[in-house]
Amino acid sequence: MAKPPVFNGEVEKVKGFIMAYRLYLRIRMRGTIVEEQIQLVLSYVQGRLADVWKENILENLEMGEAKFGSVGEFLLELKKKFRGGDEESVKVAELRRVEQGGRTMEEFVQKF
């Protein structure tokens, strides 16, 4: 079985991403702990809006503020965030993509 695709936060791709990972996890990772399954999924969440969300989830997991009883709960959280999204996270992600003089907003702010 081929590995599922990378997810970059595009709303129209979230459903296919989640379905591909549900199948992949059931076939390849049956019997592994939830945390390992979540880490695998997060390794394929890359780029654009998804990076901001992934960073927040990783920080919350490390601090013990986010707990998922199953990988299904985690995938539901991912679906909620990218099927309409939380307005504040979307706005922050959009600001991070803004460019000024060929530099991203973060690069621009760090210079000053």
N, C-alpha and C. Protein backbone atom coordinates (compact mmCIF):
# COMPACT_ATOMS: atom_id res chain seq x y z
N MET A 1 0.85 -1.18 0.00
CA MET A 1 0.00 0.00 0.00
C MET A 1 0.89 1.24 0.00
N ALA A 2 0.58 2.17 -0.85
CA ALA A 2 1.32 3.44 -0.94
C ALA A 2 0.99 4.31 0.26
N LYS A 3 1.96 5.13 0.66
CA LYS A 3 1.71 6.06 1.75
C LYS A 3 0.75 7.14 1.28
N PRO A 4 -0.12 7.60 2.16
CA PRO A 4 -1.07 8.66 1.80
C PRO A 4 -0.35 9.97 1.48
N PRO A 5 -1.06 10.90 0.87
CA PRO A 5 -0.46 12.17 0.45
C PRO A 5 -0.19 13.12 1.62
N VAL A 6 0.60 14.13 1.34
CA VAL A 6 0.86 15.22 2.28
C VAL A 6 -0.35 16.15 2.27
N PHE A 7 -0.68 16.71 3.42
CA PHE A 7 -1.80 17.65 3.53
C PHE A 7 -1.27 19.02 3.89
N ASN A 8 -1.62 20.03 3.09
CA ASN A 8 -1.10 21.37 3.33
C ASN A 8 -2.17 22.36 3.81
N GLY A 9 -3.32 21.85 4.20
CA GLY A 9 -4.35 22.72 4.75
C GLY A 9 -5.43 23.12 3.78
N GLU A 10 -5.34 22.68 2.53
CA GLU A 10 -6.37 23.04 1.55
C GLU A 10 -7.68 22.36 1.91
N VAL A 11 -8.72 23.16 2.08
CA VAL A 11 -10.02 22.67 2.52
C VAL A 11 -10.54 21.54 1.62
N GLU A 12 -10.35 21.68 0.33
CA GLU A 12 -10.90 20.68 -0.59
C GLU A 12 -10.16 19.34 -0.52
N LYS A 13 -9.04 19.28 0.17
CA LYS A 13 -8.27 18.03 0.26
C LYS A 13 -8.36 17.34 1.62
N VAL A 14 -8.98 17.98 2.60
CA VAL A 14 -9.00 17.42 3.95
C VAL A 14 -9.76 16.09 4.01
N LYS A 15 -10.87 16.00 3.34
CA LYS A 15 -11.68 14.77 3.40
C LYS A 15 -10.91 13.59 2.83
N GLY A 16 -10.27 13.76 1.68
CA GLY A 16 -9.48 12.69 1.07
C GLY A 16 -8.28 12.31 1.92
N PHE A 17 -7.65 13.29 2.55
CA PHE A 17 -6.50 13.04 3.42
C PHE A 17 -6.92 12.19 4.61
N ILE A 18 -8.01 12.56 5.25
CA ILE A 18 -8.49 11.82 6.42
C ILE A 18 -8.89 10.40 6.04
N MET A 19 -9.58 10.24 4.93
CA MET A 19 -9.98 8.90 4.51
C MET A 19 -8.76 8.03 4.19
N ALA A 20 -7.77 8.60 3.53
CA ALA A 20 -6.56 7.85 3.20
C ALA A 20 -5.83 7.41 4.46
N TYR A 21 -5.76 8.28 5.46
CA TYR A 21 -5.07 7.92 6.70
C TYR A 21 -5.83 6.95 7.56
N ARG A 22 -7.14 7.02 7.55
CA ARG A 22 -7.91 6.02 8.30
C ARG A 22 -7.61 4.63 7.75
N LEU A 23 -7.62 4.53 6.45
CA LEU A 23 -7.32 3.24 5.81
C LEU A 23 -5.88 2.82 6.08
N TYR A 24 -4.94 3.73 5.90
CA TYR A 24 -3.52 3.42 6.10
C TYR A 24 -3.26 2.96 7.54
N LEU A 25 -3.81 3.66 8.50
CA LEU A 25 -3.59 3.32 9.90
C LEU A 25 -4.21 1.96 10.24
N ARG A 26 -5.35 1.67 9.70
CA ARG A 26 -5.99 0.37 9.96
C ARG A 26 -5.19 -0.78 9.37
N ILE A 27 -4.59 -0.55 8.22
CA ILE A 27 -3.84 -1.62 7.56
C ILE A 27 -2.42 -1.73 8.12
N ARG A 28 -1.72 -0.62 8.23
CA ARG A 28 -0.29 -0.63 8.57
C ARG A 28 0.04 -0.45 10.05
N MET A 29 -0.85 0.17 10.81
CA MET A 29 -0.48 0.50 12.18
C MET A 29 -1.47 -0.05 13.21
N ARG A 30 -2.17 -1.08 12.85
CA ARG A 30 -3.10 -1.71 13.78
C ARG A 30 -2.32 -2.20 14.99
N GLY A 31 -2.78 -1.87 16.16
CA GLY A 31 -2.12 -2.33 17.38
C GLY A 31 -1.08 -1.37 17.93
N THR A 32 -0.74 -0.31 17.21
CA THR A 32 0.21 0.67 17.74
C THR A 32 -0.55 1.67 18.62
N ILE A 33 0.18 2.34 19.49
CA ILE A 33 -0.47 3.27 20.40
C ILE A 33 -0.95 4.52 19.64
N VAL A 34 -1.95 5.16 20.20
CA VAL A 34 -2.58 6.33 19.59
C VAL A 34 -1.54 7.42 19.30
N GLU A 35 -0.65 7.67 20.25
CA GLU A 35 0.34 8.73 20.09
C GLU A 35 1.21 8.50 18.85
N GLU A 36 1.62 7.27 18.60
CA GLU A 36 2.43 6.97 17.42
C GLU A 36 1.64 7.19 16.13
N GLN A 37 0.38 6.82 16.16
CA GLN A 37 -0.46 7.03 14.98
C GLN A 37 -0.63 8.52 14.70
N ILE A 38 -0.85 9.30 15.73
CA ILE A 38 -1.00 10.75 15.57
C ILE A 38 0.29 11.37 15.05
N GLN A 39 1.42 10.94 15.58
CA GLN A 39 2.70 11.46 15.12
C GLN A 39 2.92 11.14 13.65
N LEU A 40 2.53 9.95 13.22
CA LEU A 40 2.67 9.61 11.80
C LEU A 40 1.83 10.55 10.95
N VAL A 41 0.58 10.75 11.33
CA VAL A 41 -0.30 11.64 10.57
C VAL A 41 0.29 13.05 10.54
N LEU A 42 0.75 13.55 11.68
CA LEU A 42 1.32 14.90 11.74
C LEU A 42 2.56 15.04 10.85
N SER A 43 3.29 13.96 10.65
CA SER A 43 4.48 14.05 9.80
C SER A 43 4.10 14.31 8.34
N TYR A 44 2.85 14.06 7.98
CA TYR A 44 2.37 14.32 6.62
C TYR A 44 1.52 15.58 6.54
N VAL A 45 1.43 16.34 7.62
CA VAL A 45 0.75 17.63 7.63
C VAL A 45 1.86 18.66 7.47
N GLN A 46 1.96 19.24 6.25
CA GLN A 46 3.11 20.10 5.94
C GLN A 46 2.70 21.24 5.02
N GLY A 47 3.24 22.40 5.33
CA GLY A 47 3.09 23.55 4.44
C GLY A 47 1.85 24.38 4.68
N ARG A 48 1.98 25.59 4.24
CA ARG A 48 0.89 26.55 4.26
C ARG A 48 0.17 26.62 5.61
N LEU A 49 -1.15 26.62 5.58
CA LEU A 49 -1.94 26.75 6.81
C LEU A 49 -1.75 25.58 7.76
N ALA A 50 -1.45 24.43 7.22
CA ALA A 50 -1.33 23.22 8.04
C ALA A 50 -0.15 23.29 9.01
N ASP A 51 0.92 23.96 8.63
CA ASP A 51 2.08 24.07 9.52
C ASP A 51 1.76 24.81 10.81
N VAL A 52 0.97 25.85 10.73
CA VAL A 52 0.59 26.62 11.91
C VAL A 52 -0.23 25.73 12.85
N TRP A 53 -1.20 25.04 12.28
CA TRP A 53 -2.04 24.15 13.09
C TRP A 53 -1.21 23.04 13.71
N LYS A 54 -0.33 22.42 12.92
CA LYS A 54 0.50 21.33 13.42
C LYS A 54 1.39 21.81 14.56
N GLU A 55 1.97 22.97 14.43
CA GLU A 55 2.82 23.53 15.48
C GLU A 55 2.04 23.68 16.79
N ASN A 56 0.83 24.19 16.69
CA ASN A 56 -0.02 24.36 17.88
C ASN A 56 -0.38 23.02 18.50
N ILE A 57 -0.73 22.04 17.69
CA ILE A 57 -1.08 20.71 18.20
C ILE A 57 0.13 20.08 18.88
N LEU A 58 1.31 20.16 18.26
CA LEU A 58 2.51 19.58 18.86
C LEU A 58 2.83 20.22 20.21
N GLU A 59 2.72 21.53 20.29
CA GLU A 59 2.97 22.22 21.56
C GLU A 59 1.96 21.78 22.62
N ASN A 60 0.70 21.69 22.24
CA ASN A 60 -0.34 21.26 23.19
C ASN A 60 -0.13 19.82 23.64
N LEU A 61 0.29 18.95 22.73
CA LEU A 61 0.57 17.56 23.09
C LEU A 61 1.75 17.48 24.06
N GLU A 62 2.80 18.23 23.77
CA GLU A 62 3.99 18.21 24.62
C GLU A 62 3.71 18.76 26.01
N MET A 63 2.82 19.73 26.11
CA MET A 63 2.49 20.34 27.40
C MET A 63 1.37 19.59 28.12
N GLY A 64 0.82 18.57 27.47
CA GLY A 64 -0.25 17.79 28.07
C GLY A 64 -1.61 18.46 28.02
N GLU A 65 -1.72 19.52 27.22
CA GLU A 65 -2.98 20.25 27.12
C GLU A 65 -3.94 19.64 26.12
N ALA A 66 -3.42 18.82 25.22
CA ALA A 66 -4.26 18.14 24.24
C ALA A 66 -4.10 16.64 24.44
N LYS A 67 -5.21 15.97 24.56
CA LYS A 67 -5.19 14.51 24.71
C LYS A 67 -6.25 13.94 23.80
N PHE A 68 -5.88 12.92 23.09
CA PHE A 68 -6.81 12.26 22.19
C PHE A 68 -6.91 10.80 22.61
N GLY A 69 -8.13 10.36 22.90
CA GLY A 69 -8.34 8.97 23.30
C GLY A 69 -8.21 7.99 22.16
N SER A 70 -8.35 8.52 20.94
CA SER A 70 -8.21 7.67 19.76
C SER A 70 -7.72 8.54 18.60
N VAL A 71 -7.20 7.87 17.60
CA VAL A 71 -6.76 8.61 16.41
C VAL A 71 -7.97 9.20 15.71
N GLY A 72 -9.14 8.58 15.87
CA GLY A 72 -10.37 9.12 15.30
C GLY A 72 -10.70 10.49 15.86
N GLU A 73 -10.49 10.68 17.17
CA GLU A 73 -10.72 11.99 17.79
C GLU A 73 -9.77 13.03 17.20
N PHE A 74 -8.52 12.63 17.01
CA PHE A 74 -7.53 13.53 16.42
C PHE A 74 -7.92 13.92 14.99
N LEU A 75 -8.32 12.93 14.19
CA LEU A 75 -8.71 13.21 12.80
C LEU A 75 -9.95 14.08 12.75
N LEU A 76 -10.85 13.92 13.70
CA LEU A 76 -12.04 14.77 13.78
C LEU A 76 -11.63 16.22 14.07
N GLU A 77 -10.65 16.40 14.96
CA GLU A 77 -10.13 17.74 15.25
C GLU A 77 -9.53 18.38 14.00
N LEU A 78 -8.77 17.59 13.25
CA LEU A 78 -8.17 18.08 12.00
C LEU A 78 -9.27 18.48 11.02
N LYS A 79 -10.29 17.65 10.92
CA LYS A 79 -11.40 17.95 10.01
C LYS A 79 -12.11 19.23 10.41
N LYS A 80 -12.37 19.41 11.71
CA LYS A 80 -13.04 20.62 12.19
C LYS A 80 -12.23 21.87 11.86
N LYS A 81 -10.92 21.80 12.02
CA LYS A 81 -10.08 22.97 11.80
C LYS A 81 -9.98 23.36 10.33
N PHE A 82 -10.08 22.40 9.44
CA PHE A 82 -9.88 22.72 8.02
C PHE A 82 -11.15 22.64 7.18
N ARG A 83 -12.28 22.40 7.78
CA ARG A 83 -13.55 22.42 7.05
C ARG A 83 -14.36 23.63 7.45
N GLY A 84 -13.78 24.76 7.50
CA GLY A 84 -14.45 25.98 7.91
C GLY A 84 -13.50 26.75 8.79
N GLY A 85 -12.78 26.00 9.57
CA GLY A 85 -11.67 26.55 10.32
C GLY A 85 -12.03 27.49 11.44
N ASP A 86 -11.13 27.57 12.34
CA ASP A 86 -11.22 28.48 13.45
C ASP A 86 -10.69 29.81 12.93
N GLU A 87 -11.47 30.83 13.01
CA GLU A 87 -11.20 32.12 12.36
C GLU A 87 -9.84 32.71 12.78
N GLU A 88 -9.51 32.64 14.04
CA GLU A 88 -8.26 33.22 14.51
C GLU A 88 -7.05 32.51 13.90
N SER A 89 -7.07 31.18 13.86
CA SER A 89 -5.95 30.42 13.30
C SER A 89 -5.80 30.72 11.81
N VAL A 90 -6.92 30.84 11.12
CA VAL A 90 -6.87 31.13 9.69
C VAL A 90 -6.25 32.51 9.46
N LYS A 91 -6.64 33.49 10.26
CA LYS A 91 -6.10 34.85 10.11
C LYS A 91 -4.59 34.88 10.41
N VAL A 92 -4.15 34.18 11.44
CA VAL A 92 -2.73 34.12 11.77
C VAL A 92 -1.97 33.48 10.63
N ALA A 93 -2.49 32.39 10.10
CA ALA A 93 -1.83 31.70 8.99
C ALA A 93 -1.75 32.60 7.76
N GLU A 94 -2.81 33.33 7.49
CA GLU A 94 -2.80 34.25 6.35
C GLU A 94 -1.74 35.33 6.53
N LEU A 95 -1.61 35.86 7.74
CA LEU A 95 -0.60 36.88 8.01
C LEU A 95 0.81 36.32 7.80
N ARG A 96 1.03 35.07 8.17
CA ARG A 96 2.34 34.47 7.99
C ARG A 96 2.72 34.32 6.52
N ARG A 97 1.72 34.27 5.65
CA ARG A 97 2.00 34.12 4.22
C ARG A 97 2.22 35.45 3.51
N VAL A 98 1.84 36.56 4.15
CA VAL A 98 1.99 37.88 3.55
C VAL A 98 3.47 38.16 3.31
N GLU A 99 3.78 38.74 2.16
CA GLU A 99 5.15 39.10 1.84
C GLU A 99 5.29 40.61 1.69
N GLN A 100 6.44 41.13 2.09
CA GLN A 100 6.76 42.55 1.96
C GLN A 100 8.19 42.62 1.45
N GLY A 101 8.38 43.15 0.29
CA GLY A 101 9.73 43.28 -0.26
C GLY A 101 10.42 41.94 -0.47
N GLY A 102 9.67 40.90 -0.83
CA GLY A 102 10.26 39.60 -1.08
C GLY A 102 10.50 38.76 0.16
N ARG A 103 10.15 39.30 1.34
CA ARG A 103 10.32 38.55 2.59
C ARG A 103 8.95 38.24 3.18
N THR A 104 8.88 37.12 3.89
CA THR A 104 7.63 36.79 4.57
C THR A 104 7.43 37.74 5.73
N MET A 105 6.23 37.77 6.26
CA MET A 105 5.93 38.64 7.39
C MET A 105 6.85 38.33 8.56
N GLU A 106 7.09 37.05 8.85
CA GLU A 106 7.96 36.68 9.97
C GLU A 106 9.39 37.18 9.76
N GLU A 107 9.91 37.04 8.55
CA GLU A 107 11.27 37.51 8.26
C GLU A 107 11.34 39.03 8.40
N PHE A 108 10.30 39.70 7.93
CA PHE A 108 10.25 41.16 7.98
C PHE A 108 10.24 41.65 9.42
N VAL A 109 9.40 41.04 10.26
CA VAL A 109 9.28 41.43 11.67
C VAL A 109 10.57 41.15 12.43
N GLN A 110 11.24 40.03 12.14
CA GLN A 110 12.47 39.67 12.84
C GLN A 110 13.60 40.67 12.58
N LYS A 111 13.58 41.33 11.45
CA LYS A 111 14.62 42.30 11.11
C LYS A 111 14.51 43.55 11.98
N PHE A 112 13.32 43.82 12.51
CA PHE A 112 13.12 45.06 13.27
C PHE A 112 13.01 44.82 14.72
